[in-house]
PDB file of all heavy atoms in Angstrom:
ATOM      1  N   MET A   1       0.795  -1.227   0.000  1.00  0.00           N
ATOM      2  CA  MET A   1       0.000   0.000   0.000  1.00  0.00           C
ATOM      3  C   MET A   1       0.830   1.281   0.000  1.00  0.00           C
ATOM      4  O   MET A   1       1.967   1.317   0.469  1.00  0.00           O
ATOM      5  CB  MET A   1      -0.949   0.003   1.200  1.00  0.00           C
ATOM      6  CG  MET A   1      -1.966  -1.127   1.156  1.00  0.00           C
ATOM      7  SD  MET A   1      -3.024  -1.050  -0.312  1.00  0.00           S
ATOM      8  CE  MET A   1      -3.986   0.421   0.067  1.00  0.00           C
ATOM      9  N   PHE A   2       0.197   2.369  -0.514  1.00  0.00           N
ATOM     10  CA  PHE A   2       0.822   3.694  -0.559  1.00  0.00           C
ATOM     11  C   PHE A   2       0.425   4.475   0.681  1.00  0.00           C
ATOM     12  O   PHE A   2      -0.753   4.595   1.007  1.00  0.00           O
ATOM     13  CB  PHE A   2       0.370   4.444  -1.818  1.00  0.00           C
ATOM     14  CG  PHE A   2       0.931   5.834  -1.926  1.00  0.00           C
ATOM     15  CD1 PHE A   2       2.298   6.045  -1.937  1.00  0.00           C
ATOM     16  CD2 PHE A   2       0.088   6.941  -2.019  1.00  0.00           C
ATOM     17  CE1 PHE A   2       2.826   7.323  -2.041  1.00  0.00           C
ATOM     18  CE2 PHE A   2       0.599   8.213  -2.129  1.00  0.00           C
ATOM     19  CZ  PHE A   2       1.977   8.417  -2.140  1.00  0.00           C
ATOM     20  N   PHE A   3       1.421   5.015   1.398  1.00  0.00           N
ATOM     21  CA  PHE A   3       1.199   5.725   2.654  1.00  0.00           C
ATOM     22  C   PHE A   3       1.457   7.230   2.551  1.00  0.00           C
ATOM     23  O   PHE A   3       1.554   7.903   3.574  1.00  0.00           O
ATOM     24  CB  PHE A   3       2.098   5.133   3.756  1.00  0.00           C
ATOM     25  CG  PHE A   3       1.678   3.770   4.227  1.00  0.00           C
ATOM     26  CD1 PHE A   3       2.057   2.630   3.522  1.00  0.00           C
ATOM     27  CD2 PHE A   3       0.915   3.607   5.364  1.00  0.00           C
ATOM     28  CE1 PHE A   3       1.684   1.360   3.953  1.00  0.00           C
ATOM     29  CE2 PHE A   3       0.537   2.344   5.808  1.00  0.00           C
ATOM     30  CZ  PHE A   3       0.916   1.223   5.098  1.00  0.00           C
ATOM     31  N   GLY A   4       1.580   7.751   1.345  1.00  0.00           N
ATOM     32  CA  GLY A   4       1.840   9.174   1.195  1.00  0.00           C
ATOM     33  C   GLY A   4       3.309   9.528   1.297  1.00  0.00           C
ATOM     34  O   GLY A   4       4.143   8.723   1.728  1.00  0.00           O
ATOM     35  N   ASN A   5       3.651  10.745   0.883  1.00  0.00           N
ATOM     36  CA  ASN A   5       5.028  11.250   0.938  1.00  0.00           C
ATOM     37  C   ASN A   5       6.037  10.286   0.312  1.00  0.00           C
ATOM     38  O   ASN A   5       7.153  10.104   0.819  1.00  0.00           O
ATOM     39  CB  ASN A   5       5.417  11.569   2.384  1.00  0.00           C
ATOM     40  CG  ASN A   5       4.764  12.848   2.877  1.00  0.00           C
ATOM     41  OD1 ASN A   5       5.012  13.928   2.360  1.00  0.00           O
ATOM     42  ND2 ASN A   5       3.891  12.724   3.863  1.00  0.00           N
ATOM     43  N   GLY A   6       5.626   9.662  -0.778  1.00  0.00           N
ATOM     44  CA  GLY A   6       6.520   8.807  -1.548  1.00  0.00           C
ATOM     45  C   GLY A   6       6.765   7.437  -0.957  1.00  0.00           C
ATOM     46  O   GLY A   6       7.593   6.686  -1.480  1.00  0.00           O
ATOM     47  N   ALA A   7       6.062   7.072   0.120  1.00  0.00           N
ATOM     48  CA  ALA A   7       6.326   5.807   0.808  1.00  0.00           C
ATOM     49  C   ALA A   7       5.334   4.730   0.375  1.00  0.00           C
ATOM     50  O   ALA A   7       4.133   4.866   0.588  1.00  0.00           O
ATOM     51  CB  ALA A   7       6.253   6.004   2.319  1.00  0.00           C
ATOM     52  N   TYR A   8       5.854   3.666  -0.209  1.00  0.00           N
ATOM     53  CA  TYR A   8       5.052   2.503  -0.567  1.00  0.00           C
ATOM     54  C   TYR A   8       5.430   1.358   0.361  1.00  0.00           C
ATOM     55  O   TYR A   8       6.597   0.984   0.460  1.00  0.00           O
ATOM     56  CB  TYR A   8       5.315   2.085  -2.018  1.00  0.00           C
ATOM     57  CG  TYR A   8       4.711   3.005  -3.051  1.00  0.00           C
ATOM     58  CD1 TYR A   8       5.368   4.171  -3.427  1.00  0.00           C
ATOM     59  CD2 TYR A   8       3.484   2.721  -3.650  1.00  0.00           C
ATOM     60  CE1 TYR A   8       4.819   5.034  -4.370  1.00  0.00           C
ATOM     61  CE2 TYR A   8       2.934   3.572  -4.594  1.00  0.00           C
ATOM     62  CZ  TYR A   8       3.607   4.716  -4.951  1.00  0.00           C
ATOM     63  OH  TYR A   8       3.060   5.574  -5.874  1.00  0.00           O
ATOM     64  N   GLY A   9       4.448   0.814   1.042  1.00  0.00           N
ATOM     65  CA  GLY A   9       4.717  -0.279   1.968  1.00  0.00           C
ATOM     66  C   GLY A   9       4.992   0.242   3.368  1.00  0.00           C
ATOM     67  O   GLY A   9       5.485   1.361   3.572  1.00  0.00           O
ATOM     68  N   ILE A  10       4.700  -0.593   4.350  1.00  0.00           N
ATOM     69  CA  ILE A  10       4.790  -0.203   5.749  1.00  0.00           C
ATOM     70  C   ILE A  10       6.225   0.073   6.196  1.00  0.00           C
ATOM     71  O   ILE A  10       6.466   0.931   7.057  1.00  0.00           O
ATOM     72  CB  ILE A  10       4.133  -1.291   6.645  1.00  0.00           C
ATOM     73  CG1 ILE A  10       3.973  -0.817   8.084  1.00  0.00           C
ATOM     74  CG2 ILE A  10       4.911  -2.600   6.564  1.00  0.00           C
ATOM     75  CD1 ILE A  10       2.936   0.255   8.270  1.00  0.00           C
ATOM     76  N   GLU A  11       7.201  -0.622   5.626  1.00  0.00           N
ATOM     77  CA  GLU A  11       8.595  -0.385   6.023  1.00  0.00           C
ATOM     78  C   GLU A  11       9.043   1.009   5.600  1.00  0.00           C
ATOM     79  O   GLU A  11       9.619   1.760   6.403  1.00  0.00           O
ATOM     80  CB  GLU A  11       9.508  -1.451   5.409  1.00  0.00           C
ATOM     81  CG  GLU A  11      10.987  -1.290   5.746  1.00  0.00           C
ATOM     82  CD  GLU A  11      11.324  -1.586   7.199  1.00  0.00           C
ATOM     83  OE1 GLU A  11      10.482  -2.182   7.899  1.00  0.00           O
ATOM     84  OE2 GLU A  11      12.432  -1.227   7.630  1.00  0.00           O
ATOM     85  N   ALA A  12       8.781   1.381   4.348  1.00  0.00           N
ATOM     86  CA  ALA A  12       9.131   2.719   3.875  1.00  0.00           C
ATOM     87  C   ALA A  12       8.359   3.779   4.655  1.00  0.00           C
ATOM     88  O   ALA A  12       8.889   4.852   4.960  1.00  0.00           O
ATOM     89  CB  ALA A  12       8.856   2.853   2.381  1.00  0.00           C
ATOM     90  N   ALA A  13       7.095   3.489   4.994  1.00  0.00           N
ATOM     91  CA  ALA A  13       6.284   4.443   5.749  1.00  0.00           C
ATOM     92  C   ALA A  13       6.863   4.668   7.144  1.00  0.00           C
ATOM     93  O   ALA A  13       6.954   5.813   7.621  1.00  0.00           O
ATOM     94  CB  ALA A  13       4.848   3.944   5.848  1.00  0.00           C
ATOM     95  N   ALA A  14       7.257   3.588   7.816  1.00  0.00           N
ATOM     96  CA  ALA A  14       7.835   3.704   9.153  1.00  0.00           C
ATOM     97  C   ALA A  14       9.110   4.541   9.119  1.00  0.00           C
ATOM     98  O   ALA A  14       9.352   5.377  10.001  1.00  0.00           O
ATOM     99  CB  ALA A  14       8.117   2.311   9.717  1.00  0.00           C
ATOM    100  N   GLN A  15       9.928   4.341   8.085  1.00  0.00           N
ATOM    101  CA  GLN A  15      11.161   5.111   7.941  1.00  0.00           C
ATOM    102  C   GLN A  15      10.865   6.563   7.598  1.00  0.00           C
ATOM    103  O   GLN A  15      11.521   7.484   8.092  1.00  0.00           O
ATOM    104  CB  GLN A  15      12.048   4.476   6.858  1.00  0.00           C
ATOM    105  CG  GLN A  15      12.572   3.101   7.183  1.00  0.00           C
ATOM    106  CD  GLN A  15      13.639   3.105   8.263  1.00  0.00           C
ATOM    107  OE1 GLN A  15      14.137   4.148   8.676  1.00  0.00           O
ATOM    108  NE2 GLN A  15      14.015   1.912   8.735  1.00  0.00           N
ATOM    109  N   THR A  16       9.869   6.779   6.723  1.00  0.00           N
ATOM    110  CA  THR A  16       9.559   8.131   6.251  1.00  0.00           C
ATOM    111  C   THR A  16       9.008   9.013   7.363  1.00  0.00           C
ATOM    112  O   THR A  16       9.387  10.180   7.492  1.00  0.00           O
ATOM    113  CB  THR A  16       8.533   8.071   5.099  1.00  0.00           C
ATOM    114  OG1 THR A  16       9.120   7.365   3.996  1.00  0.00           O
ATOM    115  CG2 THR A  16       8.128   9.459   4.634  1.00  0.00           C
ATOM    116  N   TYR A  17       8.126   8.470   8.192  1.00  0.00           N
ATOM    117  CA  TYR A  17       7.450   9.279   9.205  1.00  0.00           C
ATOM    118  C   TYR A  17       8.096   9.211  10.583  1.00  0.00           C
ATOM    119  O   TYR A  17       8.002  10.163  11.366  1.00  0.00           O
ATOM    120  CB  TYR A  17       5.983   8.854   9.314  1.00  0.00           C
ATOM    121  CG  TYR A  17       5.180   9.176   8.082  1.00  0.00           C
ATOM    122  CD1 TYR A  17       4.937   8.202   7.114  1.00  0.00           C
ATOM    123  CD2 TYR A  17       4.669  10.445   7.863  1.00  0.00           C
ATOM    124  CE1 TYR A  17       4.205   8.491   5.968  1.00  0.00           C
ATOM    125  CE2 TYR A  17       3.947  10.751   6.720  1.00  0.00           C
ATOM    126  CZ  TYR A  17       3.720   9.763   5.779  1.00  0.00           C
ATOM    127  OH  TYR A  17       3.003  10.064   4.634  1.00  0.00           O
ATOM    128  N   TYR A  18       8.761   8.088  10.880  1.00  0.00           N
ATOM    129  CA  TYR A  18       9.294   7.904  12.232  1.00  0.00           C
ATOM    130  C   TYR A  18      10.778   7.555  12.288  1.00  0.00           C
ATOM    131  O   TYR A  18      11.344   7.505  13.384  1.00  0.00           O
ATOM    132  CB  TYR A  18       8.493   6.818  12.962  1.00  0.00           C
ATOM    133  CG  TYR A  18       7.057   7.211  13.204  1.00  0.00           C
ATOM    134  CD1 TYR A  18       6.029   6.626  12.470  1.00  0.00           C
ATOM    135  CD2 TYR A  18       6.725   8.174  14.151  1.00  0.00           C
ATOM    136  CE1 TYR A  18       4.697   6.993  12.685  1.00  0.00           C
ATOM    137  CE2 TYR A  18       5.401   8.541  14.373  1.00  0.00           C
ATOM    138  CZ  TYR A  18       4.396   7.955  13.635  1.00  0.00           C
ATOM    139  OH  TYR A  18       3.092   8.317  13.841  1.00  0.00           O
ATOM    140  N   GLY A  19      11.393   7.277  11.151  1.00  0.00           N
ATOM    141  CA  GLY A  19      12.807   6.929  11.153  1.00  0.00           C
ATOM    142  C   GLY A  19      13.093   5.619  11.860  1.00  0.00           C
ATOM    143  O   GLY A  19      14.152   5.442  12.467  1.00  0.00           O
ATOM    144  N   LYS A  20      12.147   4.677  11.813  1.00  0.00           N
ATOM    145  CA  LYS A  20      12.336   3.378  12.457  1.00  0.00           C
ATOM    146  C   LYS A  20      11.802   2.276  11.549  1.00  0.00           C
ATOM    147  O   LYS A  20      11.180   2.557  10.527  1.00  0.00           O
ATOM    148  CB  LYS A  20      11.631   3.333  13.811  1.00  0.00           C
ATOM    149  CG  LYS A  20      10.119   3.569  13.735  1.00  0.00           C
ATOM    150  CD  LYS A  20       9.423   3.255  15.059  1.00  0.00           C
ATOM    151  CE  LYS A  20       9.969   4.009  16.220  1.00  0.00           C
ATOM    152  NZ  LYS A  20       9.216   3.725  17.480  1.00  0.00           N
ATOM    153  N   THR A  21      12.026   1.040  11.937  1.00  0.00           N
ATOM    154  CA  THR A  21      11.549  -0.081  11.139  1.00  0.00           C
ATOM    155  C   THR A  21      10.079  -0.351  11.418  1.00  0.00           C
ATOM    156  O   THR A  21       9.538   0.045  12.460  1.00  0.00           O
ATOM    157  CB  THR A  21      12.350  -1.355  11.448  1.00  0.00           C
ATOM    158  OG1 THR A  21      12.101  -1.744  12.802  1.00  0.00           O
ATOM    159  CG2 THR A  21      13.847  -1.130  11.248  1.00  0.00           C
ATOM    160  N   ALA A  22       9.443  -1.068  10.513  1.00  0.00           N
ATOM    161  CA  ALA A  22       8.026  -1.418  10.668  1.00  0.00           C
ATOM    162  C   ALA A  22       7.801  -2.292  11.897  1.00  0.00           C
ATOM    163  O   ALA A  22       6.734  -2.245  12.512  1.00  0.00           O
ATOM    164  CB  ALA A  22       7.525  -2.130   9.419  1.00  0.00           C
ATOM    165  N   LYS A  23       8.794  -3.062  12.259  1.00  0.00           N
ATOM    166  CA  LYS A  23       8.654  -3.965  13.398  1.00  0.00           C
ATOM    167  C   LYS A  23       8.571  -3.201  14.713  1.00  0.00           C
ATOM    168  O   LYS A  23       7.992  -3.685  15.698  1.00  0.00           O
ATOM    169  CB  LYS A  23       9.832  -4.941  13.433  1.00  0.00           C
ATOM    170  CG  LYS A  23       9.666  -6.102  14.407  1.00  0.00           C
ATOM    171  CD  LYS A  23      10.781  -7.123  14.219  1.00  0.00           C
ATOM    172  CE  LYS A  23      10.530  -8.355  15.072  1.00  0.00           C
ATOM    173  NZ  LYS A  23      11.548  -9.414  14.824  1.00  0.00           N
ATOM    174  N   MET A  24       9.123  -1.973  14.753  1.00  0.00           N
ATOM    175  CA  MET A  24       9.217  -1.211  15.994  1.00  0.00           C
ATOM    176  C   MET A  24       8.057  -0.237  16.205  1.00  0.00           C
ATOM    177  O   MET A  24       8.022   0.483  17.201  1.00  0.00           O
ATOM    178  CB  MET A  24      10.543  -0.443  16.024  1.00  0.00           C
ATOM    179  CG  MET A  24      11.775  -1.320  15.946  1.00  0.00           C
ATOM    180  SD  MET A  24      11.849  -2.531  17.288  1.00  0.00           S
ATOM    181  CE  MET A  24      12.015  -1.436  18.706  1.00  0.00           C
ATOM    182  N   LEU A  25       7.086  -0.196  15.303  1.00  0.00           N
ATOM    183  CA  LEU A  25       5.968   0.742  15.432  1.00  0.00           C
ATOM    184  C   LEU A  25       5.122   0.417  16.666  1.00  0.00           C
ATOM    185  O   LEU A  25       4.759  -0.725  16.895  1.00  0.00           O
ATOM    186  CB  LEU A  25       5.090   0.677  14.184  1.00  0.00           C
ATOM    187  CG  LEU A  25       5.718   1.198  12.880  1.00  0.00           C
ATOM    188  CD1 LEU A  25       4.833   0.827  11.690  1.00  0.00           C
ATOM    189  CD2 LEU A  25       5.935   2.709  12.946  1.00  0.00           C
ATOM    190  N   ASN A  26       4.801   1.454  17.451  1.00  0.00           N
ATOM    191  CA  ASN A  26       3.957   1.239  18.631  1.00  0.00           C
ATOM    192  C   ASN A  26       2.488   1.472  18.288  1.00  0.00           C
ATOM    193  O   ASN A  26       2.125   1.605  17.110  1.00  0.00           O
ATOM    194  CB  ASN A  26       4.425   2.118  19.795  1.00  0.00           C
ATOM    195  CG  ASN A  26       4.318   3.606  19.474  1.00  0.00           C
ATOM    196  OD1 ASN A  26       3.536   4.017  18.605  1.00  0.00           O
ATOM    197  ND2 ASN A  26       5.089   4.426  20.159  1.00  0.00           N
TER     198      ASN A  26
END
């Protein structure tokens, strides 16, 4: 999925918005 701001997929989204991996999202 597309998460905005050029990020496709949850891993890119986690890095784009929070600077962390998808596994570390709270």
